[in-house]
């Protein structure tokens, strides 16, 4: 069932795209780029070609793709600075001068409708040619369409062209209705293979050219289950990976910081702990890696000088903002505990450690809720697995960081067991049940992400194996009494590297399935 826009709003502009009329001429694409000065290689509206059938019975189907002006726009929810907003007329617009270039909106959009302007560092998208609509004009794409395949109007006005067409012509469909965003772009006569991303085969070449970006290497065993044998994408835009190694590294450093603080109240009960390891190491490690985490987060912004906007003009619905608050609370409590220890208030410091368990747990786990807002990346929606996974890996890498200062066999055993659990949860991400086609495709792509560019070594498998072996070696050293800090520190670093490789696979694989 097609979800119609809420009648509580005054207006809701939308499109009807009659793919029965579309001839794939790209006039809409060219007009959009000219009207809105869209950079080379980026698109606000584009035409996808999908060929369906077997020779000689093959037909090419066209689909005009763009922002869906969603009723419940996930890009608006996740934007930390309210650069994206929904206008009274239902248009989802963007304040270019407010955007900080975090790219979260691109992860939240299930339709691949936002792009990053590399020149300005900000996000951009179709805004329904709002500057024209405000003057009583039609969007540029509608004006130039030679076949009247693009029709715009107010979906809440029963007399508007779009409302009349939807009332008179049955069978209108929308893209990705399972995302429950309330899209306001309706398709007539579009073939399902052209509207369902990832179901048609993608090859290394398009109709007229090579692909600029290589396609994701879907394992042969999964091709039959995930893709139609009778459909191929003949032309589409490139699907870019917006979050890279900095986000993967952030997950590691944040985990170390939170994990060290989570272990802090318990090191007093470990007889092998040195005085420094018992009293100061957890907080110092937590603050060190929290600082690295903040540097990575700011560095990943395309407009890093505007990072304070997250605090100064926050969108309180965004987990980017809530996460910033969590990290600040975590840092404040950790600093307070350390200062109390330095000042000689040991009991106060110990009490703050127990209180900090709440903040450190939230610091470890809040990314699960942030990823849940990234509705375009269905693999990240596996919150029931991701939430405990983040806690487990934080305890594992944080405990490993403490081992050079607290070489206790029980701590080493705990780190090893946690590494095994981490591997089990990673395999569950790969082979467990996933509700959507997008998530199943992303899970299938996990092992194919290389450990580094140009190698066939799987980051997914190599990462989990490295972490497990490093934890096993650290446990053997502690239980045998060979507790040289350098050796244990080396084991910790190898384990961190393993987790980084795993996170590289996890972060990248979710972004590989096409959204158009």
Protein backbone atom coordinates (compact mmCIF):
# COMPACT_ATOMS: atom_id res chain seq x y z
CA UNK A 1 0.00 0.00 0.00
CA UNK A 2 1.30 3.44 -0.97
CA UNK A 3 1.63 5.71 2.04
CA UNK A 4 0.07 9.09 1.37
CA UNK A 5 1.23 12.27 3.08
CA UNK A 6 -0.39 13.34 6.32
CA UNK A 7 -3.34 15.65 5.90
CA UNK A 8 -2.41 17.59 8.99
CA UNK A 9 0.18 19.60 7.08
CA UNK A 10 -0.99 22.62 5.10
CA UNK A 11 0.76 21.62 1.90
CA UNK A 12 2.89 18.81 0.55
CA UNK A 13 4.59 19.32 -2.76
CA UNK A 14 5.42 16.15 -4.63
CA UNK A 15 5.96 14.59 -8.04
CA UNK A 16 4.26 12.04 -10.22
CA UNK A 17 6.78 10.48 -12.58
CA UNK A 18 5.03 8.75 -15.48
CA UNK A 19 7.63 6.23 -16.63
CA UNK A 20 5.24 5.10 -19.37
CA UNK A 21 6.04 8.37 -21.12
CA UNK A 22 9.74 8.75 -20.22
CA UNK A 23 12.09 8.29 -23.19
CA UNK A 24 15.35 8.52 -21.23
CA UNK A 25 16.47 11.74 -22.91
CA UNK A 26 18.13 13.21 -19.75
CA UNK A 27 16.63 16.65 -20.39
CA UNK A 28 15.53 16.75 -16.74
CA UNK A 29 19.08 15.96 -15.58
CA UNK A 30 20.64 18.65 -17.76
CA UNK A 31 18.04 21.27 -16.79
CA UNK A 32 18.54 20.50 -13.10
CA UNK A 33 22.32 20.78 -13.33
CA UNK A 34 22.07 24.06 -15.23
CA UNK A 35 19.39 25.60 -13.00
CA UNK A 36 21.10 24.67 -9.72
CA UNK A 37 24.78 24.70 -10.74
CA UNK A 38 25.27 21.06 -9.81
CA UNK A 39 28.99 20.11 -9.92
CA UNK A 40 30.40 17.71 -12.51
CA UNK A 41 29.90 14.10 -11.45
CA UNK A 42 27.02 14.90 -9.05
CA UNK A 43 23.28 14.83 -9.66
CA UNK A 44 20.08 16.09 -8.06
CA UNK A 45 17.95 14.22 -10.55
CA UNK A 46 19.05 11.52 -12.94
CA UNK A 47 17.72 8.77 -15.21
CA UNK A 48 18.51 5.14 -14.46
CA UNK A 49 18.43 2.60 -17.29
CA UNK A 50 17.51 -1.00 -16.48
CA UNK A 51 17.37 -3.71 -19.15
CA UNK A 52 14.99 -6.59 -18.42
CA UNK A 53 14.50 -9.83 -20.33
CA UNK A 54 16.48 -12.32 -22.38
CA UNK A 55 17.54 -11.94 -26.00
CA UNK A 56 15.70 -11.22 -28.20
CA UNK A 57 12.91 -10.22 -25.81
CA UNK A 58 14.70 -7.40 -23.99
CA UNK A 59 13.26 -4.05 -23.00
CA UNK A 60 14.98 -1.01 -21.53
CA UNK A 61 13.13 0.65 -18.65
CA UNK A 62 13.73 4.21 -17.43
CA UNK A 63 13.37 5.58 -13.92
CA UNK A 64 13.79 9.23 -12.99
CA UNK A 65 15.40 9.32 -9.54
CA UNK A 66 15.67 12.20 -7.07
CA UNK A 67 14.89 13.36 -3.54
CA UNK A 68 11.51 12.04 -2.42
CA UNK A 69 10.62 15.05 -0.23
CA UNK A 70 9.75 12.57 2.52
CA UNK A 71 6.94 13.18 4.98
CA UNK A 72 9.17 11.74 7.71
CA UNK A 73 12.55 12.71 6.30
CA UNK A 74 15.39 10.80 8.04
CA UNK A 75 17.93 13.32 6.75
CA UNK A 76 16.16 16.06 8.73
CA UNK A 77 16.18 13.93 11.89
CA UNK A 78 19.87 13.05 11.78
CA UNK A 79 21.26 16.46 10.74
CA UNK A 80 23.02 17.70 13.90
CA UNK A 81 22.74 21.41 13.13
CA UNK A 82 19.29 21.63 11.48
CA UNK A 83 20.77 22.53 8.14
CA UNK A 84 18.16 20.22 6.65
CA UNK A 85 14.61 21.20 7.43
CA UNK A 86 11.08 20.68 6.16
CA UNK A 87 9.36 23.80 4.88
CA UNK A 88 5.67 24.59 5.44
CA UNK A 89 5.01 23.54 1.83
CA UNK A 90 6.51 20.10 2.47
CA UNK A 91 9.76 20.67 0.57
CA UNK A 92 12.85 19.31 2.32
CA UNK A 93 15.37 22.12 1.94
CA UNK A 94 18.96 22.67 3.03
CA UNK A 95 20.72 25.74 4.46
CA UNK A 96 24.08 25.57 2.71
CA UNK A 97 25.81 28.01 5.06
CA UNK A 98 24.81 25.97 8.14
CA UNK A 99 25.90 22.49 6.96
CA UNK A 100 29.09 21.23 8.66
CA UNK A 101 29.79 18.46 6.15
CA UNK A 102 29.33 15.51 8.52
CA UNK A 103 27.75 13.42 5.69
CA UNK A 104 25.29 11.83 8.11
CA UNK A 105 22.36 12.88 5.92
CA UNK A 106 23.82 10.85 3.06
CA UNK A 107 23.80 7.78 5.29
CA UNK A 108 20.25 8.47 6.47
CA UNK A 109 18.71 8.94 3.01
CA UNK A 110 17.41 5.63 1.59
CA UNK A 111 17.29 7.14 -1.93
CA UNK A 112 20.89 8.30 -2.50
CA UNK A 113 19.47 11.78 -3.02
CA UNK A 114 22.15 13.87 -1.30
CA UNK A 115 25.64 14.55 -2.53
CA UNK A 116 28.70 16.33 -1.21
CA UNK A 117 29.81 19.45 -3.02
CA UNK A 118 33.58 18.99 -2.82
CA UNK A 119 34.20 22.65 -3.58
CA UNK A 120 32.10 24.00 -0.70
CA UNK A 121 32.34 21.02 1.64
CA UNK A 122 28.58 21.01 2.21
CA UNK A 123 25.76 18.66 1.32
CA UNK A 124 23.31 19.49 -1.47
CA UNK A 125 20.12 17.98 -2.86
CA UNK A 126 17.00 18.57 -4.90
CA UNK A 127 14.91 21.28 -3.23
CA UNK A 128 12.06 21.13 -5.71
CA UNK A 129 13.46 24.25 -7.38
CA UNK A 130 12.06 26.16 -4.40
CA UNK A 131 13.34 29.45 -5.80
CA UNK A 132 11.14 28.88 -8.85
CA UNK A 133 8.13 27.54 -6.94
CA UNK A 134 8.13 30.66 -4.75
CA UNK A 135 7.68 32.72 -7.92
CA UNK A 136 4.81 30.59 -9.19
CA UNK A 137 7.00 28.66 -11.65
CA UNK A 138 7.34 24.92 -12.15
CA UNK A 139 10.57 23.03 -11.33
CA UNK A 140 13.08 23.16 -14.16
CA UNK A 141 12.93 19.41 -14.80
CA UNK A 142 9.15 19.54 -15.35
CA UNK A 143 9.37 22.46 -17.73
CA UNK A 144 11.86 20.81 -20.10
CA UNK A 145 10.40 17.28 -20.16
CA UNK A 146 9.32 16.77 -23.80
CA UNK A 147 6.85 13.97 -22.95
CA UNK A 148 5.15 15.51 -19.89
CA UNK A 149 6.43 12.58 -17.87
CA UNK A 150 7.17 14.81 -14.83
CA UNK A 151 4.19 16.36 -13.05
CA UNK A 152 4.49 18.36 -9.82
CA UNK A 153 2.01 19.89 -7.44
CA UNK A 154 0.44 19.97 -4.00
CA UNK A 155 -0.59 16.46 -2.98
CA UNK A 156 -2.99 17.91 -0.39
CA UNK A 157 -4.92 19.84 -3.03
CA UNK A 158 -7.45 17.45 -4.61
CA UNK A 159 -7.61 19.67 -7.69
CA UNK A 160 -3.86 19.72 -8.35
CA UNK A 161 -2.55 17.76 -11.36
CA UNK A 162 -0.68 15.27 -9.19
CA UNK A 163 -3.72 14.58 -7.00
CA UNK A 164 -5.98 14.08 -10.01
CA UNK A 165 -3.55 11.67 -11.68
CA UNK A 166 -3.12 9.62 -8.51
CA UNK A 167 -6.91 9.48 -8.12
CA UNK A 168 -7.58 8.54 -11.74
CA UNK A 169 -4.69 6.20 -12.53
CA UNK A 170 -4.33 3.10 -10.32
CA UNK A 171 -1.08 1.36 -9.56
CA UNK A 172 1.16 4.23 -8.41
CA UNK A 173 4.23 3.01 -6.57
CA UNK A 174 7.01 4.52 -4.47
CA UNK A 175 10.66 3.64 -3.92
CA UNK A 176 11.62 1.59 -0.87
CA UNK A 177 8.28 1.72 0.98
CA UNK A 178 9.77 -0.58 3.67
CA UNK A 179 11.72 2.42 4.99
CA UNK A 180 8.43 4.07 6.08
CA UNK A 181 9.66 7.57 5.21
CA UNK A 182 6.43 8.62 3.49
CA UNK A 183 7.96 9.42 0.07
CA UNK A 184 6.14 12.04 -1.98
CA UNK A 185 7.40 10.98 -5.40
CA UNK A 186 5.05 8.53 -7.09
CA UNK A 187 5.80 6.36 -10.13
CA UNK A 188 3.45 5.21 -12.85
CA UNK A 189 4.43 2.27 -15.03
CA UNK A 190 7.93 1.85 -13.61
CA UNK A 191 9.34 -1.68 -13.69
CA UNK A 192 10.06 -3.08 -10.24
CA UNK A 193 13.64 -3.94 -11.22
CA UNK A 194 14.36 -0.26 -11.85
CA UNK A 195 12.92 0.87 -8.51
CA UNK A 196 14.30 -1.85 -6.23
CA UNK A 197 18.03 -1.13 -5.76
CA UNK A 198 20.39 -4.05 -5.99
CA UNK A 199 17.98 -6.52 -7.54
CA UNK A 200 19.33 -5.93 -11.06
CA UNK A 201 22.88 -7.02 -11.90
CA UNK A 202 25.59 -4.35 -12.00
CA UNK A 203 28.59 -4.78 -14.28
CA UNK A 204 31.92 -3.02 -14.70
CA UNK A 205 30.66 -1.10 -17.72
CA UNK A 206 27.64 1.04 -18.35
CA UNK A 207 25.93 1.65 -21.65
CA UNK A 208 28.33 4.27 -22.93
CA UNK A 209 31.28 4.21 -20.57
CA UNK A 210 33.23 2.47 -17.85
CA UNK A 211 32.08 2.97 -14.29
CA UNK A 212 34.09 5.61 -12.43
CA UNK A 213 33.87 3.61 -9.21
CA UNK A 214 34.24 -0.20 -9.21
CA UNK A 215 31.20 -2.27 -8.35
CA UNK A 216 31.08 -4.19 -5.11
CA UNK A 217 32.24 -7.84 -5.59
CA UNK A 218 29.12 -9.75 -4.54
CA UNK A 219 30.06 -13.39 -3.78
CA UNK A 220 28.95 -15.80 -6.49
CA UNK A 221 27.04 -17.91 -3.96
CA UNK A 222 24.83 -14.92 -3.10
CA UNK A 223 24.16 -13.63 -6.62
CA UNK A 224 21.26 -15.97 -7.36
CA UNK A 225 19.56 -15.22 -4.05
CA UNK A 226 19.94 -11.44 -4.23
CA UNK A 227 19.79 -10.48 -7.92
CA UNK A 228 17.53 -11.19 -10.87
CA UNK A 229 19.06 -13.16 -13.71
CA UNK A 230 16.99 -11.29 -16.30
CA UNK A 231 17.81 -7.70 -15.31
CA UNK A 232 20.93 -5.53 -15.54
CA UNK A 233 21.65 -1.88 -14.81
CA UNK A 234 22.71 -0.23 -18.05
CA UNK A 235 23.18 3.29 -16.64
CA UNK A 236 23.16 4.82 -13.18
CA UNK A 237 25.09 7.32 -11.06
CA UNK A 238 28.08 6.29 -8.98
CA UNK A 239 27.38 5.07 -5.47
CA UNK A 240 29.96 6.73 -3.23
CA UNK A 241 31.30 5.64 0.16
CA UNK A 242 31.02 8.70 2.41
CA UNK A 243 32.36 7.35 5.73
CA UNK A 244 35.80 5.79 5.56
CA UNK A 245 38.78 4.91 7.75
CA UNK A 246 38.29 7.82 10.17
CA UNK A 247 34.89 6.50 11.21
CA UNK A 248 36.31 2.98 11.56
CA UNK A 249 39.19 4.34 13.66
CA UNK A 250 36.75 6.38 15.77
CA UNK A 251 34.88 3.20 16.69
CA UNK A 252 38.17 1.68 17.90
CA UNK A 253 39.48 4.66 19.88
CA UNK A 254 36.07 5.33 21.44
CA UNK A 255 35.89 1.67 22.42
CA UNK A 256 39.33 1.81 24.09
CA UNK A 257 38.40 4.96 26.02
CA UNK A 258 35.04 3.61 27.20
CA UNK A 259 36.41 0.15 27.92
CA UNK A 260 39.28 1.42 30.08
CA UNK A 261 36.78 3.38 32.18
CA UNK A 262 34.44 0.39 32.41
CA UNK A 263 37.22 -1.71 33.92
CA UNK A 264 38.38 1.09 36.28
CA UNK A 265 36.29 0.17 39.38
CA UNK A 266 37.43 -3.43 39.20
CA UNK A 267 41.21 -3.03 38.94
CA UNK A 268 41.39 -2.41 42.71
CA UNK A 269 40.43 -6.06 43.16
CA UNK A 270 43.24 -7.31 40.92
CA UNK A 271 46.35 -8.10 42.98
CA UNK A 272 48.65 -7.97 39.95
CA UNK A 273 47.90 -4.30 39.36
CA UNK A 274 50.73 -1.87 39.88
CA UNK A 275 49.98 1.27 41.95
CA UNK A 276 49.96 3.32 38.75
CA UNK A 277 47.78 0.78 36.98
CA UNK A 278 45.33 0.67 39.88
CA UNK A 279 45.05 4.41 40.55
CA UNK A 280 45.74 6.30 37.33
CA UNK A 281 46.01 4.14 34.21
CA UNK A 282 42.25 3.71 33.50
CA UNK A 283 41.49 7.41 33.54
CA UNK A 284 44.63 8.44 31.69
CA UNK A 285 44.00 5.88 28.95
CA UNK A 286 40.35 6.89 28.73
CA UNK A 287 41.15 10.58 28.36
CA UNK A 288 43.97 9.95 25.87
CA UNK A 289 41.82 7.88 23.52
CA UNK A 290 38.81 10.14 24.03
CA UNK A 291 40.97 13.02 22.79
CA UNK A 292 41.98 10.96 19.73
CA UNK A 293 38.30 10.14 19.18
CA UNK A 294 37.35 13.81 19.16
CA UNK A 295 40.18 14.61 16.74
CA UNK A 296 38.96 11.89 14.35
CA UNK A 297 35.36 13.11 14.52
CA UNK A 298 36.31 16.72 13.79
CA UNK A 299 38.78 15.71 11.07
CA UNK A 300 36.07 13.72 9.27
CA UNK A 301 33.95 16.85 8.87
CA UNK A 302 34.22 18.59 5.53
CA UNK A 303 33.91 21.89 7.40
CA UNK A 304 35.86 21.13 10.59
CA UNK A 305 36.02 24.78 11.66
CA UNK A 306 32.25 24.65 12.21
CA UNK A 307 32.28 21.69 14.62
CA UNK A 308 31.10 23.85 17.53
CA UNK A 309 27.76 24.23 15.73
CA UNK A 310 26.86 20.81 17.12
CA UNK A 311 26.87 22.39 20.59
CA UNK A 312 25.78 25.92 19.73
CA UNK A 313 22.80 25.14 17.47
CA UNK A 314 21.99 21.48 18.11
CA UNK A 315 19.21 19.37 16.64
CA UNK A 316 18.30 17.45 19.78
CA UNK A 317 16.74 14.61 17.77
CA UNK A 318 20.08 13.74 16.17
CA UNK A 319 22.24 11.07 17.80
CA UNK A 320 25.27 12.97 16.55
CA UNK A 321 24.29 15.66 19.05
CA UNK A 322 23.30 13.20 21.78
CA UNK A 323 26.57 11.37 21.21
CA UNK A 324 28.50 14.62 21.64
CA UNK A 325 26.71 15.19 24.95
CA UNK A 326 27.53 11.63 26.05
CA UNK A 327 31.21 12.06 25.23
CA UNK A 328 31.33 15.37 27.09
CA UNK A 329 29.70 13.83 30.19
CA UNK A 330 32.03 10.85 29.97
CA UNK A 331 35.08 13.11 29.68
CA UNK A 332 33.93 15.30 32.57
CA UNK A 333 33.37 12.39 34.95
CA UNK A 334 36.65 10.75 33.98
CA UNK A 335 38.54 14.02 34.50
CA UNK A 336 36.82 14.58 37.87
CA UNK A 337 37.82 11.12 39.06
CA UNK A 338 41.42 11.67 38.01
CA UNK A 339 41.63 15.10 39.67
CA UNK A 340 40.12 13.74 42.88
CA UNK A 341 42.82 11.07 42.90
CA UNK A 342 45.57 13.62 42.35
CA UNK A 343 44.15 15.76 45.18
CA UNK A 344 44.26 12.85 47.60
CA UNK A 345 40.53 12.12 47.74
CA UNK A 346 40.80 8.43 46.99
CA UNK A 347 37.33 7.52 48.23
CA UNK A 348 35.74 10.23 46.09
CA UNK A 349 37.73 9.07 43.08
CA UNK A 350 36.61 5.48 43.62
CA UNK A 351 33.00 6.59 43.94
CA UNK A 352 33.21 8.58 40.71
CA UNK A 353 34.54 5.49 38.95
CA UNK A 354 31.34 3.61 39.80
CA UNK A 355 29.18 6.54 38.70
CA UNK A 356 31.20 6.75 35.49
CA UNK A 357 30.12 3.23 34.57
CA UNK A 358 26.89 4.77 33.28
CA UNK A 359 28.61 7.40 31.14
CA UNK A 360 31.25 4.98 29.84
CA UNK A 361 28.56 2.42 28.92
CA UNK A 362 26.69 5.09 27.01
CA UNK A 363 29.91 6.22 25.32
CA UNK A 364 30.56 2.66 24.18
CA UNK A 365 27.03 1.97 22.95
CA UNK A 366 25.49 5.22 21.64
CA UNK A 367 26.82 4.62 18.13
CA UNK A 368 24.24 1.85 17.78
CA UNK A 369 21.50 4.47 18.02
CA UNK A 370 23.37 6.82 15.66
CA UNK A 371 23.69 4.04 13.10
CA UNK A 372 20.00 3.23 13.57
CA UNK A 373 19.22 6.75 12.30
CA UNK A 374 21.23 5.99 9.14
CA UNK A 375 18.17 4.52 7.46
CA UNK A 376 19.86 4.17 4.10
CA UNK A 377 22.31 1.60 5.52
CA UNK A 378 20.18 -1.36 6.54
CA UNK A 379 23.07 -3.43 7.90
CA UNK A 380 23.52 -0.82 10.61
CA UNK A 381 19.87 -1.22 11.62
CA UNK A 382 20.72 -4.59 13.24
CA UNK A 383 20.65 -2.82 16.61
CA UNK A 384 19.85 -5.92 18.68
CA UNK A 385 23.25 -7.26 17.63
CA UNK A 386 25.18 -3.99 17.27
CA UNK A 387 24.36 -2.70 20.77
CA UNK A 388 25.87 -5.65 22.70
CA UNK A 389 28.61 -5.89 20.09
CA UNK A 390 29.80 -2.37 20.85
CA UNK A 391 29.82 -3.10 24.59
CA UNK A 392 31.75 -6.33 24.10
CA UNK A 393 34.41 -4.82 21.88
CA UNK A 394 34.84 -1.83 24.24
CA UNK A 395 35.47 -4.15 27.18
CA UNK A 396 37.85 -6.23 25.05
CA UNK A 397 40.04 -3.42 23.69
CA UNK A 398 39.83 -1.37 26.90
CA UNK A 399 40.89 -4.38 28.95
CA UNK A 400 43.76 -5.04 26.52
CA UNK A 401 44.91 -1.44 26.97
CA UNK A 402 45.10 -1.99 30.76
CA UNK A 403 47.02 -5.28 30.64
CA UNK A 404 50.52 -3.68 30.48
CA UNK A 405 49.66 -1.92 33.78
CA UNK A 406 47.37 -4.58 35.25
CA UNK A 407 48.83 -7.93 34.10
CA UNK A 408 46.24 -9.96 35.94
CA UNK A 409 45.43 -13.46 34.59
CA UNK A 410 41.71 -12.95 35.25
CA UNK A 411 41.69 -9.73 33.22
CA UNK A 412 43.61 -11.44 30.42
CA UNK A 413 41.16 -14.36 30.45
CA UNK A 414 38.23 -11.91 30.30
CA UNK A 415 39.79 -10.13 27.31
CA UNK A 416 40.23 -13.45 25.50
CA UNK A 417 36.64 -14.55 26.17
CA UNK A 418 35.39 -11.14 25.02
CA UNK A 419 37.41 -11.49 21.81
CA UNK A 420 35.72 -14.84 21.15
CA UNK A 421 32.29 -13.32 21.81
CA UNK A 422 33.18 -10.41 19.51
CA UNK A 423 34.01 -12.89 16.75
CA UNK A 424 30.75 -14.75 17.31
CA UNK A 425 28.77 -11.49 17.08
CA UNK A 426 30.69 -10.57 13.92
CA UNK A 427 29.73 -13.90 12.33
CA UNK A 428 26.14 -13.26 13.39
CA UNK A 429 26.28 -9.95 11.49
CA UNK A 430 27.43 -11.94 8.44
CA UNK A 431 25.19 -15.01 8.62
CA UNK A 432 22.32 -13.95 10.88
CA UNK A 433 18.83 -13.01 9.76
CA UNK A 434 18.43 -9.64 8.05
CA UNK A 435 15.04 -8.19 7.27
CA UNK A 436 15.72 -6.34 4.01
CA UNK A 437 17.37 -7.00 0.67
CA UNK A 438 19.79 -4.12 1.29
CA UNK A 439 20.95 -5.60 4.61
CA UNK A 440 21.34 -9.09 3.14
CA UNK A 441 23.45 -7.69 0.30
CA UNK A 442 25.62 -5.67 2.72
CA UNK A 443 26.15 -8.75 4.92
CA UNK A 444 27.19 -10.75 1.86
CA UNK A 445 29.70 -8.02 0.97
CA UNK A 446 31.36 -8.00 4.42
CA UNK A 447 34.08 -10.58 3.63
CA UNK A 448 34.90 -8.89 0.33
CA UNK A 449 36.15 -5.63 1.81
CA UNK A 450 39.98 -5.72 1.50
CA UNK A 451 42.21 -5.17 4.51
CA UNK A 452 43.87 -2.41 2.48
CA UNK A 453 43.48 -1.26 -1.14
CA UNK A 454 44.99 -3.61 -3.69
CA UNK A 455 44.95 -6.77 -1.57
CA UNK A 456 42.58 -9.74 -1.55
CA UNK A 457 42.99 -10.24 2.20
CA UNK A 458 39.58 -9.92 3.85
CA UNK A 459 39.45 -7.14 6.45
CA UNK A 460 36.48 -8.89 8.05
CA UNK A 461 38.14 -12.27 8.63
CA UNK A 462 41.68 -10.96 9.17
CA UNK A 463 40.45 -8.41 11.71
CA UNK A 464 38.58 -10.90 13.88
CA UNK A 465 41.42 -13.41 13.67
CA UNK A 466 44.07 -10.84 14.64
CA UNK A 467 42.07 -9.72 17.66
CA UNK A 468 41.50 -13.30 18.82
CA UNK A 469 45.15 -14.34 18.39
CA UNK A 470 46.40 -11.22 20.17
CA UNK A 471 44.03 -11.84 23.10
CA UNK A 472 45.10 -15.49 23.29
CA UNK A 473 48.79 -14.57 23.34
CA UNK A 474 48.21 -11.94 26.06
CA UNK A 475 46.37 -14.54 28.17
CA UNK A 476 49.19 -17.06 27.77
CA UNK A 477 51.77 -14.45 28.78
CA UNK A 478 49.83 -13.41 31.89
CA UNK A 479 49.11 -16.96 33.01
CA UNK A 480 52.73 -18.01 32.53
CA UNK A 481 54.02 -15.03 34.52
CA UNK A 482 55.76 -13.48 31.49
CA UNK A 483 54.16 -10.10 32.06
CA UNK A 484 56.60 -7.78 30.33
CA UNK A 485 54.70 -4.54 29.68
CA UNK A 486 56.17 -4.18 26.19
CA UNK A 487 54.95 -7.62 25.13
CA UNK A 488 51.47 -7.01 26.53
CA UNK A 489 51.35 -3.56 24.92
CA UNK A 490 52.26 -5.14 21.58
CA UNK A 491 49.42 -7.65 22.00
CA UNK A 492 47.04 -4.76 22.70
CA UNK A 493 48.12 -2.85 19.59
CA UNK A 494 47.69 -5.96 17.41
CA UNK A 495 44.22 -6.44 18.87
CA UNK A 496 43.34 -2.82 18.15
CA UNK A 497 44.54 -3.27 14.58
CA UNK A 498 42.30 -6.33 14.28
CA UNK A 499 39.30 -4.39 15.50
CA UNK A 500 40.10 -1.55 13.09
CA UNK A 501 40.13 -3.98 10.16
CA UNK A 502 36.81 -5.45 11.28
CA UNK A 503 35.27 -1.98 11.62
CA UNK A 504 36.64 -1.02 8.22
CA UNK A 505 34.73 -3.95 6.73
CA UNK A 506 31.58 -3.23 8.74
CA UNK A 507 31.48 0.50 7.98
CA UNK A 508 32.32 0.10 4.30
CA UNK A 509 30.16 -2.94 3.48
CA UNK A 510 26.99 -1.19 4.67
CA UNK A 511 27.64 1.61 2.16
CA UNK A 512 28.26 -0.66 -0.87
CA UNK A 513 24.72 -1.80 -1.81
CA UNK A 514 23.19 0.65 -4.30
CA UNK A 515 20.40 2.93 -3.09
CA UNK A 516 19.18 3.78 -6.58
